[in-house]
Amino acid sequence: TGAIIAGGLAIGMSATEIKDLYKELGEKIFSRKASIF
């Protein structure tokens, strides 16, 4: 997760911009579980 944040900072995003994006990002990533198999 530090690599995601580092990448955002490296392309010039502000910490606030990444913070605002992070909640939505986390919900999308960790809410979609793989199939039962």
All heavy atoms as atom14 arrays in JSON, in Angstrom:
{
  "sequence": "TGAIIAGGLAIGMSATEIKDLYKELGEKIFSRKASIF",
  "atom14_mask": [
    [1, 1, 1, 1, 1, 1, 1, 0, 0, 0, 0, 0, 0, 0],
    [1, 1, 1, 1, 0, 0, 0, 0, 0, 0, 0, 0, 0, 0],
    [1, 1, 1, 1, 1, 0, 0, 0, 0, 0, 0, 0, 0, 0],
    [1, 1, 1, 1, 1, 1, 1, 1, 0, 0, 0, 0, 0, 0],
    [1, 1, 1, 1, 1, 1, 1, 1, 0, 0, 0, 0, 0, 0],
    [1, 1, 1, 1, 1, 0, 0, 0, 0, 0, 0, 0, 0, 0],
    [1, 1, 1, 1, 0, 0, 0, 0, 0, 0, 0, 0, 0, 0],
    [1, 1, 1, 1, 0, 0, 0, 0, 0, 0, 0, 0, 0, 0],
    [1, 1, 1, 1, 1, 1, 1, 1, 0, 0, 0, 0, 0, 0],
    [1, 1, 1, 1, 1, 0, 0, 0, 0, 0, 0, 0, 0, 0],
    [1, 1, 1, 1, 1, 1, 1, 1, 0, 0, 0, 0, 0, 0],
    [1, 1, 1, 1, 0, 0, 0, 0, 0, 0, 0, 0, 0, 0],
    [1, 1, 1, 1, 1, 1, 1, 1, 0, 0, 0, 0, 0, 0],
    [1, 1, 1, 1, 1, 1, 0, 0, 0, 0, 0, 0, 0, 0],
    [1, 1, 1, 1, 1, 0, 0, 0, 0, 0, 0, 0, 0, 0],
    [1, 1, 1, 1, 1, 1, 1, 0, 0, 0, 0, 0, 0, 0],
    [1, 1, 1, 1, 1, 1, 1, 1, 1, 0, 0, 0, 0, 0],
    [1, 1, 1, 1, 1, 1, 1, 1, 0, 0, 0, 0, 0, 0],
    [1, 1, 1, 1, 1, 1, 1, 1, 1, 0, 0, 0, 0, 0],
    [1, 1, 1, 1, 1, 1, 1, 1, 0, 0, 0, 0, 0, 0],
    [1, 1, 1, 1, 1, 1, 1, 1, 0, 0, 0, 0, 0, 0],
    [1, 1, 1, 1, 1, 1, 1, 1, 1, 1, 1, 1, 0, 0],
    [1, 1, 1, 1, 1, 1, 1, 1, 1, 0, 0, 0, 0, 0],
    [1, 1, 1, 1, 1, 1, 1, 1, 1, 0, 0, 0, 0, 0],
    [1, 1, 1, 1, 1, 1, 1, 1, 0, 0, 0, 0, 0, 0],
    [1, 1, 1, 1, 0, 0, 0, 0, 0, 0, 0, 0, 0, 0],
    [1, 1, 1, 1, 1, 1, 1, 1, 1, 0, 0, 0, 0, 0],
    [1, 1, 1, 1, 1, 1, 1, 1, 1, 0, 0, 0, 0, 0],
    [1, 1, 1, 1, 1, 1, 1, 1, 0, 0, 0, 0, 0, 0],
    [1, 1, 1, 1, 1, 1, 1, 1, 1, 1, 1, 0, 0, 0],
    [1, 1, 1, 1, 1, 1, 0, 0, 0, 0, 0, 0, 0, 0],
    [1, 1, 1, 1, 1, 1, 1, 1, 1, 1, 1, 0, 0, 0],
    [1, 1, 1, 1, 1, 1, 1, 1, 1, 0, 0, 0, 0, 0],
    [1, 1, 1, 1, 1, 0, 0, 0, 0, 0, 0, 0, 0, 0],
    [1, 1, 1, 1, 1, 1, 0, 0, 0, 0, 0, 0, 0, 0],
    [1, 1, 1, 1, 1, 1, 1, 1, 0, 0, 0, 0, 0, 0],
    [1, 1, 1, 1, 1, 1, 1, 1, 1, 1, 1, 0, 0, 0]
  ],
  "atom14_positions": [
    [[0.84, -1.2, 0.0], [0.0, 0.0, 0.0], [0.87, 1.25, 0.0], [0.48, 2.29, -0.55], [-0.95, 0.0, 1.22], [-1.96, 0.98, 1.03], [-0.22, 0.28, 2.53], [0.0, 0.0, 0.0], [0.0, 0.0, 0.0], [0.0, 0.0, 0.0], [0.0, 0.0, 0.0], [0.0, 0.0, 0.0], [0.0, 0.0, 0.0], [0.0, 0.0, 0.0]],
    [[2.06, 1.17, 0.59], [3.0, 2.29, 0.55], [3.46, 2.59, -0.87], [3.78, 3.74, -1.19], [0.0, 0.0, 0.0], [0.0, 0.0, 0.0], [0.0, 0.0, 0.0], [0.0, 0.0, 0.0], [0.0, 0.0, 0.0], [0.0, 0.0, 0.0], [0.0, 0.0, 0.0], [0.0, 0.0, 0.0], [0.0, 0.0, 0.0], [0.0, 0.0, 0.0]],
    [[3.51, 1.56, -1.73], [3.89, 1.78, -3.13], [2.8, 2.56, -3.88], [3.12, 3.39, -4.73], [4.13, 0.43, -3.81], [0.0, 0.0, 0.0], [0.0, 0.0, 0.0], [0.0, 0.0, 0.0], [0.0, 0.0, 0.0], [0.0, 0.0, 0.0], [0.0, 0.0, 0.0], [0.0, 0.0, 0.0], [0.0, 0.0, 0.0], [0.0, 0.0, 0.0]],
    [[1.54, 2.28, -3.57], [0.44, 3.04, -4.19], [0.55, 4.51, -3.82], [0.48, 5.4, -4.68], [-0.93, 2.49, -3.75], [-1.11, 1.03, -4.18], [-2.06, 3.35, -4.33], [-2.4, 0.39, -3.67], [0.0, 0.0, 0.0], [0.0, 0.0, 0.0], [0.0, 0.0, 0.0], [0.0, 0.0, 0.0], [0.0, 0.0, 0.0], [0.0, 0.0, 0.0]],
    [[0.74, 4.77, -2.54], [0.84, 6.15, -2.06], [2.08, 6.82, -2.63], [2.03, 7.97, -3.09], [0.85, 6.19, -0.52], [-0.45, 5.6, 0.04], [1.06, 7.61, -0.01], [-0.43, 5.37, 1.55], [0.0, 0.0, 0.0], [0.0, 0.0, 0.0], [0.0, 0.0, 0.0], [0.0, 0.0, 0.0], [0.0, 0.0, 0.0], [0.0, 0.0, 0.0]],
    [[3.21, 6.12, -2.62], [4.45, 6.66, -3.16], [4.29, 7.02, -4.63], [4.78, 8.07, -5.09], [5.59, 5.66, -2.98], [0.0, 0.0, 0.0], [0.0, 0.0, 0.0], [0.0, 0.0, 0.0], [0.0, 0.0, 0.0], [0.0, 0.0, 0.0], [0.0, 0.0, 0.0], [0.0, 0.0, 0.0], [0.0, 0.0, 0.0], [0.0, 0.0, 0.0]],
    [[3.6, 6.18, -5.38], [3.37, 6.46, -6.8], [2.56, 7.72, -7.0], [2.86, 8.55, -7.86], [0.0, 0.0, 0.0], [0.0, 0.0, 0.0], [0.0, 0.0, 0.0], [0.0, 0.0, 0.0], [0.0, 0.0, 0.0], [0.0, 0.0, 0.0], [0.0, 0.0, 0.0], [0.0, 0.0, 0.0], [0.0, 0.0, 0.0], [0.0, 0.0, 0.0]],
    [[1.49, 7.88, -6.2], [0.68, 9.09, -6.3], [1.48, 10.33, -5.98], [1.39, 11.35, -6.68], [0.0, 0.0, 0.0], [0.0, 0.0, 0.0], [0.0, 0.0, 0.0], [0.0, 0.0, 0.0], [0.0, 0.0, 0.0], [0.0, 0.0, 0.0], [0.0, 0.0, 0.0], [0.0, 0.0, 0.0], [0.0, 0.0, 0.0], [0.0, 0.0, 0.0]],
    [[2.3, 10.27, -4.93], [3.13, 11.42, -4.58], [4.15, 11.71, -5.67], [4.42, 12.88, -5.99], [3.86, 11.15, -3.26], [2.99, 10.99, -2.0], [3.88, 10.63, -0.81], [2.2, 12.26, -1.7], [0.0, 0.0, 0.0], [0.0, 0.0, 0.0], [0.0, 0.0, 0.0], [0.0, 0.0, 0.0], [0.0, 0.0, 0.0], [0.0, 0.0, 0.0]],
    [[4.73, 10.67, -6.26], [5.78, 10.84, -7.26], [5.28, 11.5, -8.53], [6.05, 12.15, -9.25], [6.43, 9.5, -7.58], [0.0, 0.0, 0.0], [0.0, 0.0, 0.0], [0.0, 0.0, 0.0], [0.0, 0.0, 0.0], [0.0, 0.0, 0.0], [0.0, 0.0, 0.0], [0.0, 0.0, 0.0], [0.0, 0.0, 0.0], [0.0, 0.0, 0.0]],
    [[3.99, 11.34, -8.84], [3.45, 12.0, -10.04], [2.89, 13.38, -9.72], [2.27, 14.02, -10.58], [2.39, 11.14, -10.74], [1.17, 10.89, -9.86], [3.0, 9.82, -11.23], [0.02, 10.17, -10.58], [0.0, 0.0, 0.0], [0.0, 0.0, 0.0], [0.0, 0.0, 0.0], [0.0, 0.0, 0.0], [0.0, 0.0, 0.0], [0.0, 0.0, 0.0]],
    [[3.08, 13.84, -8.49], [2.7, 15.2, -8.15], [1.38, 15.37, -7.45], [0.93, 16.5, -7.23], [0.0, 0.0, 0.0], [0.0, 0.0, 0.0], [0.0, 0.0, 0.0], [0.0, 0.0, 0.0], [0.0, 0.0, 0.0], [0.0, 0.0, 0.0], [0.0, 0.0, 0.0], [0.0, 0.0, 0.0], [0.0, 0.0, 0.0], [0.0, 0.0, 0.0]],
    [[0.73, 14.27, -7.06], [-0.51, 14.39, -6.3], [-0.19, 14.88, -4.89], [0.86, 14.58, -4.33], [-1.23, 13.05, -6.22], [-1.74, 12.53, -7.55], [-2.53, 10.89, -7.42], [-4.05, 11.33, -6.53], [0.0, 0.0, 0.0], [0.0, 0.0, 0.0], [0.0, 0.0, 0.0], [0.0, 0.0, 0.0], [0.0, 0.0, 0.0], [0.0, 0.0, 0.0]],
    [[-1.11, 15.65, -4.31], [-0.94, 16.08, -2.93], [-1.37, 14.95, -2.01], [-2.13, 14.06, -2.4], [-1.77, 17.33, -2.64], [-3.16, 17.01, -2.64], [0.0, 0.0, 0.0], [0.0, 0.0, 0.0], [0.0, 0.0, 0.0], [0.0, 0.0, 0.0], [0.0, 0.0, 0.0], [0.0, 0.0, 0.0], [0.0, 0.0, 0.0], [0.0, 0.0, 0.0]],
    [[-0.89, 15.01, -0.78], [-1.29, 14.01, 0.21], [-2.8, 14.05, 0.43], [-3.44, 13.01, 0.62], [-0.55, 14.24, 1.52], [0.0, 0.0, 0.0], [0.0, 0.0, 0.0], [0.0, 0.0, 0.0], [0.0, 0.0, 0.0], [0.0, 0.0, 0.0], [0.0, 0.0, 0.0], [0.0, 0.0, 0.0], [0.0, 0.0, 0.0], [0.0, 0.0, 0.0]],
    [[-3.38, 15.24, 0.39], [-4.83, 15.38, 0.58], [-5.6, 14.73, -0.56], [-6.62, 14.06, -0.33], [-5.21, 16.87, 0.68], [-4.51, 17.46, 1.78], [-6.71, 17.03, 0.9], [0.0, 0.0, 0.0], [0.0, 0.0, 0.0], [0.0, 0.0, 0.0], [0.0, 0.0, 0.0], [0.0, 0.0, 0.0], [0.0, 0.0, 0.0], [0.0, 0.0, 0.0]],
    [[-5.13, 14.89, -1.79], [-5.78, 14.26, -2.94], [-5.76, 12.74, -2.8], [-6.78, 12.07, -3.06], [-5.08, 14.67, -4.23], [-5.33, 16.11, -4.65], [-4.5, 16.52, -5.85], [-3.31, 16.1, -5.94], [-5.02, 17.26, -6.69], [0.0, 0.0, 0.0], [0.0, 0.0, 0.0], [0.0, 0.0, 0.0], [0.0, 0.0, 0.0], [0.0, 0.0, 0.0]],
    [[-4.63, 12.2, -2.4], [-4.53, 10.74, -2.25], [-5.4, 10.28, -1.08], [-6.07, 9.24, -1.17], [-3.08, 10.32, -2.04], [-2.21, 10.77, -3.21], [-2.97, 8.79, -1.89], [-0.73, 10.55, -3.01], [0.0, 0.0, 0.0], [0.0, 0.0, 0.0], [0.0, 0.0, 0.0], [0.0, 0.0, 0.0], [0.0, 0.0, 0.0], [0.0, 0.0, 0.0]],
    [[-5.43, 11.04, -0.01], [-6.27, 10.69, 1.14], [-7.74, 10.63, 0.75], [-8.46, 9.69, 1.13], [-6.07, 11.72, 2.26], [-6.8, 11.38, 3.55], [-6.74, 12.51, 4.56], [-7.71, 13.62, 4.17], [-7.84, 14.65, 5.24], [0.0, 0.0, 0.0], [0.0, 0.0, 0.0], [0.0, 0.0, 0.0], [0.0, 0.0, 0.0], [0.0, 0.0, 0.0]],
    [[-8.17, 11.6, -0.02], [-9.57, 11.63, -0.46], [-9.91, 10.46, -1.38], [-11.03, 9.95, -1.38], [-9.87, 12.95, -1.17], [-9.81, 14.15, -0.23], [-9.87, 13.94, 1.0], [-9.69, 15.29, -0.72], [0.0, 0.0, 0.0], [0.0, 0.0, 0.0], [0.0, 0.0, 0.0], [0.0, 0.0, 0.0], [0.0, 0.0, 0.0], [0.0, 0.0, 0.0]],
    [[-8.92, 10.04, -2.15], [-9.11, 8.92, -3.08], [-9.07, 7.57, -2.38], [-9.7, 6.6, -2.82], [-8.0, 8.99, -4.15], [-7.96, 7.92, -5.23], [-9.11, 8.14, -6.22], [-6.62, 7.97, -5.97], [0.0, 0.0, 0.0], [0.0, 0.0, 0.0], [0.0, 0.0, 0.0], [0.0, 0.0, 0.0], [0.0, 0.0, 0.0], [0.0, 0.0, 0.0]],
    [[-8.36, 7.52, -1.26], [-8.0, 6.25, -0.63], [-9.22, 5.47, -0.1], [-9.28, 4.26, -0.22], [-7.01, 6.52, 0.5], [-6.11, 5.35, 0.8], [-5.05, 5.03, -0.04], [-6.3, 4.57, 1.93], [-4.21, 3.97, 0.24], [-5.46, 3.51, 2.22], [-4.42, 3.22, 1.37], [-3.6, 2.16, 1.63], [0.0, 0.0, 0.0], [0.0, 0.0, 0.0]],
    [[-10.17, 6.19, 0.47], [-11.34, 5.51, 1.03], [-12.11, 4.78, -0.07], [-12.46, 3.61, 0.07], [-12.26, 6.51, 1.74], [-13.47, 5.87, 2.41], [-14.26, 6.91, 3.19], [-15.43, 6.26, 3.93], [-16.46, 5.73, 3.02], [0.0, 0.0, 0.0], [0.0, 0.0, 0.0], [0.0, 0.0, 0.0], [0.0, 0.0, 0.0], [0.0, 0.0, 0.0]],
    [[-12.34, 5.47, -1.16], [-13.04, 4.86, -2.29], [-12.23, 3.7, -2.86], [-12.79, 2.65, -3.19], [-13.27, 5.92, -3.36], [-14.0, 5.42, -4.6], [-14.16, 6.48, -5.66], [-13.77, 7.64, -5.41], [-14.66, 6.14, -6.75], [0.0, 0.0, 0.0], [0.0, 0.0, 0.0], [0.0, 0.0, 0.0], [0.0, 0.0, 0.0], [0.0, 0.0, 0.0]],
    [[-10.93, 3.89, -2.94], [-10.05, 2.85, -3.47], [-10.11, 1.6, -2.6], [-10.25, 0.47, -3.1], [-8.62, 3.39, -3.53], [-7.55, 2.54, -4.19], [-7.8, 2.45, -5.68], [-6.16, 3.15, -3.94], [0.0, 0.0, 0.0], [0.0, 0.0, 0.0], [0.0, 0.0, 0.0], [0.0, 0.0, 0.0], [0.0, 0.0, 0.0], [0.0, 0.0, 0.0]],
    [[-10.02, 1.78, -1.28], [-10.05, 0.65, -0.36], [-11.35, -0.12, -0.42], [-11.37, -1.35, -0.39], [0.0, 0.0, 0.0], [0.0, 0.0, 0.0], [0.0, 0.0, 0.0], [0.0, 0.0, 0.0], [0.0, 0.0, 0.0], [0.0, 0.0, 0.0], [0.0, 0.0, 0.0], [0.0, 0.0, 0.0], [0.0, 0.0, 0.0], [0.0, 0.0, 0.0]],
    [[-12.46, 0.61, -0.5], [-13.78, -0.05, -0.55], [-13.92, -0.89, -1.8], [-14.47, -1.99, -1.77], [-14.88, 1.0, -0.47], [-15.03, 1.64, 0.9], [-16.08, 2.73, 0.93], [-16.52, 3.14, -0.16], [-16.43, 3.18, 2.04], [0.0, 0.0, 0.0], [0.0, 0.0, 0.0], [0.0, 0.0, 0.0], [0.0, 0.0, 0.0], [0.0, 0.0, 0.0]],
    [[-13.41, -0.38, -2.93], [-13.52, -1.13, -4.18], [-12.61, -2.36, -4.18], [-13.0, -3.42, -4.65], [-13.16, -0.22, -5.36], [-14.21, 0.84, -5.64], [-13.8, 1.7, -6.82], [-14.88, 2.74, -7.13], [-14.5, 3.61, -8.27], [0.0, 0.0, 0.0], [0.0, 0.0, 0.0], [0.0, 0.0, 0.0], [0.0, 0.0, 0.0], [0.0, 0.0, 0.0]],
    [[-11.41, -2.19, -3.64], [-10.44, -3.29, -3.68], [-10.81, -4.42, -2.73], [-10.79, -5.6, -3.09], [-9.03, -2.76, -3.35], [-8.53, -1.84, -4.46], [-8.05, -3.92, -3.13], [-7.25, -1.12, -4.12], [0.0, 0.0, 0.0], [0.0, 0.0, 0.0], [0.0, 0.0, 0.0], [0.0, 0.0, 0.0], [0.0, 0.0, 0.0], [0.0, 0.0, 0.0]],
    [[-11.2, -4.06, -1.5], [-11.39, -5.08, -0.47], [-12.84, -5.53, -0.31], [-13.13, -6.34, 0.57], [-10.85, -4.58, 0.86], [-9.35, -4.43, 0.88], [-8.76, -3.2, 1.07], [-8.54, -5.54, 0.69], [-7.38, -3.06, 1.1], [-7.16, -5.41, 0.71], [-6.58, -4.17, 0.91], [0.0, 0.0, 0.0], [0.0, 0.0, 0.0], [0.0, 0.0, 0.0]],
    [[-13.73, -5.05, -1.15], [-15.12, -5.49, -1.05], [-15.46, -6.54, -2.1], [-16.5, -7.19, -2.02], [-16.07, -4.3, -1.19], [-15.96, -3.73, -2.48], [0.0, 0.0, 0.0], [0.0, 0.0, 0.0], [0.0, 0.0, 0.0], [0.0, 0.0, 0.0], [0.0, 0.0, 0.0], [0.0, 0.0, 0.0], [0.0, 0.0, 0.0], [0.0, 0.0, 0.0]],
    [[-14.59, -6.7, -3.09], [-14.89, -7.62, -4.18], [-14.09, -8.91, -4.0], [-12.94, -9.01, -4.4], [-14.56, -6.95, -5.52], [-15.37, -5.68, -5.7], [-15.09, -4.99, -7.0], [-15.81, -3.73, -7.09], [-15.79, -2.92, -8.15], [-15.09, -3.26, -9.2], [-16.47, -1.79, -8.14], [0.0, 0.0, 0.0], [0.0, 0.0, 0.0], [0.0, 0.0, 0.0]],
    [[-14.73, -9.87, -3.38], [-14.05, -11.12, -3.07], [-14.04, -12.04, -4.28], [-14.89, -11.99, -5.15], [-14.71, -11.8, -1.88], [-14.56, -10.99, -0.59], [-14.92, -11.8, 0.63], [-14.6, -11.01, 1.91], [-14.9, -11.77, 3.12], [0.0, 0.0, 0.0], [0.0, 0.0, 0.0], [0.0, 0.0, 0.0], [0.0, 0.0, 0.0], [0.0, 0.0, 0.0]],
    [[-13.03, -12.9, -4.3], [-12.92, -13.88, -5.38], [-14.06, -14.89, -5.25], [-14.7, -15.01, -4.21], [-11.56, -14.58, -5.3], [0.0, 0.0, 0.0], [0.0, 0.0, 0.0], [0.0, 0.0, 0.0], [0.0, 0.0, 0.0], [0.0, 0.0, 0.0], [0.0, 0.0, 0.0], [0.0, 0.0, 0.0], [0.0, 0.0, 0.0], [0.0, 0.0, 0.0]],
    [[-14.28, -15.63, -6.32], [-15.31, -16.65, -6.3], [-14.97, -17.71, -5.25], [-13.83, -17.82, -4.81], [-15.43, -17.32, -7.68], [-14.25, -18.05, -7.96], [0.0, 0.0, 0.0], [0.0, 0.0, 0.0], [0.0, 0.0, 0.0], [0.0, 0.0, 0.0], [0.0, 0.0, 0.0], [0.0, 0.0, 0.0], [0.0, 0.0, 0.0], [0.0, 0.0, 0.0]],
    [[-15.97, -18.49, -4.86], [-15.8, -19.45, -3.78], [-14.69, -20.45, -4.08], [-13.95, -20.88, -3.19], [-17.13, -20.21, -3.51], [-16.99, -21.07, -2.26], [-17.55, -21.01, -4.72], [-16.8, -20.3, -0.99], [0.0, 0.0, 0.0], [0.0, 0.0, 0.0], [0.0, 0.0, 0.0], [0.0, 0.0, 0.0], [0.0, 0.0, 0.0], [0.0, 0.0, 0.0]],
    [[-14.49, -20.77, -5.37], [-13.45, -21.74, -5.72], [-12.06, -21.08, -5.7], [-11.1, -21.65, -5.19], [-13.73, -22.33, -7.11], [-15.01, -23.11, -7.16], [-16.12, -22.58, -7.81], [-15.13, -24.33, -6.53], [-17.32, -23.29, -7.85], [-16.31, -25.05, -6.56], [-17.42, -24.52, -7.21], [0.0, 0.0, 0.0], [0.0, 0.0, 0.0], [0.0, 0.0, 0.0]]
  ]
}
